[in-house]
């Protein structure tokens, strides 16, 4: 009986183990629809990145507004007039409401 050298036996065992490991990793992923799940997760990741970018832009705008309200008197006055409806003593405020256009027959 011929016995192959030790390095050849270990090489064939390693190749067989690698083949089995690849089969175990590949087959359940393909059978369970792993490709669809990966695509869904990629789409979800893209949506989350877009949402993060929008939130980062909003945070930057709010940070600029806070800085202006802390340092610029004109920004404070504008905010008090627009958001709080404050006016100086003796000022007269005239509010004009837009009239809806009439329907023509």
N, C-alpha and C. Protein backbone atom coordinates (compact mmCIF):
# COMPACT_ATOMS: atom_id res chain seq x y z
N UNK A 1 0.83 -1.17 0.00
CA UNK A 1 0.00 0.00 0.00
C UNK A 1 0.88 1.24 0.00
N UNK A 2 0.52 2.16 -0.91
CA UNK A 2 1.30 3.38 -1.04
C UNK A 2 0.70 4.48 -0.17
N UNK A 3 1.52 5.12 0.65
CA UNK A 3 1.08 6.23 1.52
C UNK A 3 1.71 7.50 0.97
N UNK A 4 0.87 8.53 0.64
CA UNK A 4 1.42 9.76 0.12
C UNK A 4 2.21 10.51 1.20
N UNK A 5 3.11 11.39 0.79
CA UNK A 5 3.90 12.14 1.78
C UNK A 5 2.99 12.98 2.67
N UNK A 6 3.49 13.38 3.84
CA UNK A 6 2.70 14.10 4.84
C UNK A 6 2.23 15.45 4.30
N UNK A 7 3.05 16.17 3.56
CA UNK A 7 2.65 17.50 3.07
C UNK A 7 1.48 17.40 2.10
N UNK A 8 1.45 16.30 1.32
CA UNK A 8 0.36 16.11 0.36
C UNK A 8 -0.94 15.78 1.10
N UNK A 9 -0.85 15.00 2.15
CA UNK A 9 -2.05 14.69 2.95
C UNK A 9 -2.60 15.96 3.59
N UNK A 10 -1.72 16.78 4.18
CA UNK A 10 -2.18 18.01 4.84
C UNK A 10 -2.72 19.02 3.83
N UNK A 11 -2.13 19.06 2.66
CA UNK A 11 -2.62 19.97 1.62
C UNK A 11 -4.01 19.55 1.15
N UNK A 12 -4.21 18.25 0.96
CA UNK A 12 -5.54 17.79 0.54
C UNK A 12 -6.56 18.01 1.65
N UNK A 13 -6.19 17.83 2.90
CA UNK A 13 -7.10 18.08 4.02
C UNK A 13 -7.48 19.57 4.09
N UNK A 14 -6.50 20.43 3.92
CA UNK A 14 -6.76 21.88 3.97
C UNK A 14 -7.67 22.30 2.82
N UNK A 15 -7.43 21.75 1.63
CA UNK A 15 -8.28 22.08 0.48
C UNK A 15 -9.71 21.59 0.71
N UNK A 16 -9.86 20.40 1.26
CA UNK A 16 -11.18 19.87 1.55
C UNK A 16 -11.88 20.72 2.61
N UNK A 17 -11.15 21.12 3.65
CA UNK A 17 -11.73 21.95 4.70
C UNK A 17 -12.16 23.31 4.15
N UNK A 18 -11.35 23.88 3.28
CA UNK A 18 -11.70 25.15 2.66
C UNK A 18 -12.94 25.01 1.78
N UNK A 19 -13.02 23.94 1.03
CA UNK A 19 -14.20 23.69 0.19
C UNK A 19 -15.46 23.54 1.03
N UNK A 20 -15.37 22.81 2.12
CA UNK A 20 -16.53 22.62 3.00
C UNK A 20 -16.92 23.95 3.63
N UNK A 21 -15.95 24.74 4.07
CA UNK A 21 -16.24 26.04 4.68
C UNK A 21 -16.92 26.97 3.69
N UNK A 22 -16.46 26.99 2.45
CA UNK A 22 -17.10 27.83 1.44
C UNK A 22 -18.51 27.36 1.14
N UNK A 23 -18.72 26.07 1.08
CA UNK A 23 -20.06 25.53 0.83
C UNK A 23 -21.01 25.88 1.97
N UNK A 24 -20.53 25.76 3.20
CA UNK A 24 -21.37 26.08 4.35
C UNK A 24 -21.70 27.57 4.38
N UNK A 25 -20.76 28.41 4.02
CA UNK A 25 -21.00 29.85 4.04
C UNK A 25 -21.85 30.30 2.86
N UNK A 26 -21.72 29.71 1.71
CA UNK A 26 -22.39 30.18 0.49
C UNK A 26 -23.81 29.66 0.37
N UNK A 27 -24.03 28.39 0.61
CA UNK A 27 -25.33 27.77 0.35
C UNK A 27 -26.44 28.36 1.21
N UNK A 28 -26.33 28.46 2.52
CA UNK A 28 -27.44 29.02 3.30
C UNK A 28 -27.73 30.47 2.93
N UNK A 29 -26.71 31.23 2.60
CA UNK A 29 -26.90 32.64 2.24
C UNK A 29 -27.72 32.76 0.96
N UNK A 30 -27.43 31.93 -0.01
CA UNK A 30 -28.17 31.99 -1.28
C UNK A 30 -29.57 31.41 -1.14
N UNK A 31 -29.72 30.35 -0.37
CA UNK A 31 -31.02 29.70 -0.22
C UNK A 31 -31.97 30.60 0.56
N UNK A 32 -31.48 31.28 1.58
CA UNK A 32 -32.33 32.10 2.44
C UNK A 32 -32.61 33.47 1.84
N UNK A 33 -32.19 33.73 0.63
CA UNK A 33 -32.43 35.03 0.01
C UNK A 33 -31.52 36.11 0.56
N UNK A 34 -30.30 35.77 0.83
CA UNK A 34 -29.34 36.72 1.38
C UNK A 34 -29.08 37.90 0.47
N UNK A 35 -29.16 37.68 -0.84
CA UNK A 35 -28.92 38.77 -1.78
C UNK A 35 -29.99 39.85 -1.66
N UNK A 36 -31.24 39.45 -1.47
CA UNK A 36 -32.32 40.41 -1.30
C UNK A 36 -32.13 41.20 -0.01
N UNK A 37 -31.72 40.52 1.03
CA UNK A 37 -31.53 41.18 2.32
C UNK A 37 -30.39 42.20 2.22
N UNK A 38 -29.35 41.84 1.52
CA UNK A 38 -28.22 42.76 1.36
C UNK A 38 -28.68 44.01 0.62
N UNK A 39 -29.46 43.84 -0.42
CA UNK A 39 -29.95 44.99 -1.18
C UNK A 39 -30.86 45.88 -0.33
N UNK A 40 -31.73 45.24 0.47
CA UNK A 40 -32.60 46.02 1.36
C UNK A 40 -31.78 46.80 2.38
N UNK A 41 -30.77 46.17 2.93
CA UNK A 41 -29.92 46.84 3.92
C UNK A 41 -29.13 47.98 3.28
N UNK A 42 -28.67 47.79 2.04
CA UNK A 42 -27.96 48.87 1.35
C UNK A 42 -28.88 50.05 1.10
N UNK A 43 -30.12 49.77 0.70
CA UNK A 43 -31.09 50.84 0.47
C UNK A 43 -31.40 51.56 1.78
N UNK A 44 -31.55 50.81 2.85
CA UNK A 44 -31.82 51.41 4.15
C UNK A 44 -30.63 52.25 4.61
N UNK A 45 -29.43 51.78 4.37
CA UNK A 45 -28.24 52.53 4.73
C UNK A 45 -28.17 53.84 3.95
N UNK A 46 -28.50 53.80 2.66
CA UNK A 46 -28.51 55.02 1.86
C UNK A 46 -29.54 56.01 2.37
N UNK A 47 -30.73 55.53 2.73
CA UNK A 47 -31.76 56.42 3.27
C UNK A 47 -31.32 57.03 4.59
N UNK A 48 -30.68 56.25 5.43
CA UNK A 48 -30.20 56.77 6.71
C UNK A 48 -29.09 57.80 6.51
N UNK A 49 -28.24 57.58 5.53
CA UNK A 49 -27.18 58.57 5.25
C UNK A 49 -27.79 59.88 4.75
N UNK A 50 -28.82 59.80 3.90
CA UNK A 50 -29.50 61.00 3.43
C UNK A 50 -30.15 61.74 4.59
N UNK A 51 -30.80 60.99 5.47
CA UNK A 51 -31.44 61.60 6.63
C UNK A 51 -30.41 62.27 7.54
N UNK A 52 -29.26 61.62 7.71
CA UNK A 52 -28.19 62.19 8.54
C UNK A 52 -27.68 63.48 7.93
N UNK A 53 -27.51 63.51 6.62
CA UNK A 53 -27.03 64.72 5.96
C UNK A 53 -28.03 65.86 6.14
N UNK A 54 -29.33 65.56 6.03
CA UNK A 54 -30.35 66.59 6.24
C UNK A 54 -30.33 67.09 7.68
N UNK A 55 -30.18 66.17 8.63
CA UNK A 55 -30.13 66.58 10.04
C UNK A 55 -28.87 67.37 10.35
N UNK A 56 -27.75 67.02 9.74
CA UNK A 56 -26.52 67.78 9.93
C UNK A 56 -26.68 69.21 9.41
N UNK A 57 -27.33 69.36 8.25
CA UNK A 57 -27.56 70.69 7.69
C UNK A 57 -28.48 71.51 8.60
N UNK A 58 -29.52 70.88 9.12
CA UNK A 58 -30.45 71.56 10.03
C UNK A 58 -29.74 71.97 11.32
N UNK A 59 -28.89 71.09 11.85
CA UNK A 59 -28.13 71.41 13.06
C UNK A 59 -27.18 72.59 12.82
N UNK A 60 -26.54 72.62 11.66
CA UNK A 60 -25.64 73.74 11.34
C UNK A 60 -26.43 75.04 11.25
N UNK A 61 -27.63 75.00 10.63
CA UNK A 61 -28.46 76.21 10.53
C UNK A 61 -28.88 76.69 11.91
N UNK A 62 -29.28 75.76 12.77
CA UNK A 62 -29.67 76.14 14.12
C UNK A 62 -28.50 76.69 14.92
N UNK A 63 -27.31 76.12 14.73
CA UNK A 63 -26.13 76.63 15.42
C UNK A 63 -25.82 78.06 14.98
N UNK A 64 -25.97 78.35 13.66
CA UNK A 64 -25.75 79.72 13.18
C UNK A 64 -26.79 80.68 13.77
N UNK A 65 -28.04 80.21 13.84
CA UNK A 65 -29.10 81.05 14.41
C UNK A 65 -28.85 81.33 15.89
N UNK A 66 -28.41 80.32 16.64
CA UNK A 66 -28.10 80.51 18.06
C UNK A 66 -26.96 81.50 18.23
N UNK A 67 -25.93 81.34 17.41
CA UNK A 67 -24.79 82.27 17.48
C UNK A 67 -25.24 83.70 17.20
N UNK A 68 -26.08 83.87 16.18
CA UNK A 68 -26.57 85.22 15.84
C UNK A 68 -27.42 85.78 16.98
N UNK A 69 -28.27 84.97 17.58
CA UNK A 69 -29.12 85.46 18.67
C UNK A 69 -28.31 85.80 19.91
N UNK A 70 -27.15 85.22 20.06
CA UNK A 70 -26.30 85.53 21.22
C UNK A 70 -25.42 86.74 20.98
N UNK A 71 -25.13 87.06 19.72
CA UNK A 71 -24.13 88.09 19.46
C UNK A 71 -24.63 89.29 18.67
N UNK A 72 -25.69 89.18 17.91
CA UNK A 72 -26.12 90.25 17.02
C UNK A 72 -27.44 90.87 17.50
N UNK A 73 -27.42 92.15 17.86
CA UNK A 73 -28.64 92.81 18.33
C UNK A 73 -29.75 92.82 17.27
N UNK A 74 -29.39 92.99 16.01
CA UNK A 74 -30.41 93.01 14.95
C UNK A 74 -31.12 91.66 14.84
N UNK A 75 -30.40 90.58 15.01
CA UNK A 75 -31.01 89.25 14.96
C UNK A 75 -31.97 89.07 16.14
N UNK A 76 -31.60 89.59 17.30
CA UNK A 76 -32.48 89.50 18.47
C UNK A 76 -33.76 90.28 18.21
N UNK A 77 -33.62 91.49 17.67
CA UNK A 77 -34.79 92.32 17.37
C UNK A 77 -35.69 91.65 16.32
N UNK A 78 -35.09 91.15 15.27
CA UNK A 78 -35.87 90.47 14.22
C UNK A 78 -36.64 89.27 14.79
N UNK A 79 -35.97 88.50 15.63
CA UNK A 79 -36.62 87.33 16.24
C UNK A 79 -37.78 87.77 17.13
N UNK A 80 -37.56 88.82 17.93
CA UNK A 80 -38.63 89.31 18.82
C UNK A 80 -39.82 89.80 18.01
N UNK A 81 -39.57 90.46 16.89
CA UNK A 81 -40.68 90.96 16.07
C UNK A 81 -41.40 89.82 15.33
N UNK A 82 -40.65 88.94 14.71
CA UNK A 82 -41.26 87.90 13.88
C UNK A 82 -41.88 86.77 14.69
N UNK A 83 -41.14 86.25 15.64
CA UNK A 83 -41.58 85.07 16.37
C UNK A 83 -42.45 85.40 17.58
N UNK A 84 -42.16 86.52 18.24
CA UNK A 84 -42.88 86.83 19.47
C UNK A 84 -43.92 87.93 19.30
N UNK A 85 -43.91 88.59 18.14
CA UNK A 85 -44.89 89.64 17.86
C UNK A 85 -44.69 90.90 18.68
N UNK A 86 -43.48 91.16 19.12
CA UNK A 86 -43.21 92.34 19.93
C UNK A 86 -43.04 93.57 19.04
N UNK A 87 -43.42 94.72 19.59
CA UNK A 87 -43.25 95.99 18.88
C UNK A 87 -42.74 97.03 19.87
N UNK A 88 -42.22 98.13 19.32
CA UNK A 88 -41.78 99.23 20.16
C UNK A 88 -43.00 100.02 20.62
N UNK A 89 -42.91 100.67 21.79
CA UNK A 89 -44.02 101.51 22.24
C UNK A 89 -44.30 102.61 21.21
N UNK A 90 -45.55 102.82 20.91
CA UNK A 90 -45.94 103.86 19.97
C UNK A 90 -45.98 103.39 18.53
N UNK A 91 -45.54 102.18 18.22
CA UNK A 91 -45.60 101.69 16.85
C UNK A 91 -47.02 101.24 16.53
N UNK A 92 -47.38 101.40 15.30
CA UNK A 92 -48.68 100.95 14.81
C UNK A 92 -48.44 99.79 13.86
N UNK A 93 -49.09 98.66 14.11
CA UNK A 93 -48.92 97.47 13.27
C UNK A 93 -50.19 97.30 12.45
N UNK A 94 -50.00 97.24 11.15
CA UNK A 94 -51.11 97.01 10.24
C UNK A 94 -50.88 95.65 9.59
N UNK A 95 -51.84 94.73 9.78
CA UNK A 95 -51.74 93.39 9.21
C UNK A 95 -52.66 93.30 8.02
N UNK A 96 -52.12 92.93 6.87
CA UNK A 96 -52.90 92.79 5.65
C UNK A 96 -53.02 91.31 5.35
N UNK A 97 -54.25 90.85 5.27
CA UNK A 97 -54.49 89.44 4.96
C UNK A 97 -54.79 89.32 3.48
N UNK A 98 -54.26 88.29 2.87
CA UNK A 98 -54.49 88.07 1.45
C UNK A 98 -55.91 87.57 1.23
N UNK A 99 -56.56 88.11 0.22
CA UNK A 99 -57.92 87.70 -0.10
C UNK A 99 -57.85 86.62 -1.17
N UNK A 100 -58.66 85.60 -0.99
CA UNK A 100 -58.69 84.52 -1.98
C UNK A 100 -59.29 85.04 -3.27
N UNK A 101 -58.72 84.66 -4.41
CA UNK A 101 -59.26 85.13 -5.70
C UNK A 101 -60.66 84.58 -5.92
N UNK A 102 -61.49 85.41 -6.52
CA UNK A 102 -62.86 85.00 -6.78
C UNK A 102 -62.90 84.07 -8.00
N UNK A 103 -63.81 83.12 -7.93
CA UNK A 103 -63.98 82.19 -9.05
C UNK A 103 -64.80 82.87 -10.15
N UNK A 104 -64.33 82.79 -11.37
CA UNK A 104 -65.05 83.39 -12.50
C UNK A 104 -65.83 82.31 -13.24
N UNK A 105 -67.08 82.66 -13.62
CA UNK A 105 -67.89 81.64 -14.30
C UNK A 105 -67.45 81.40 -15.71
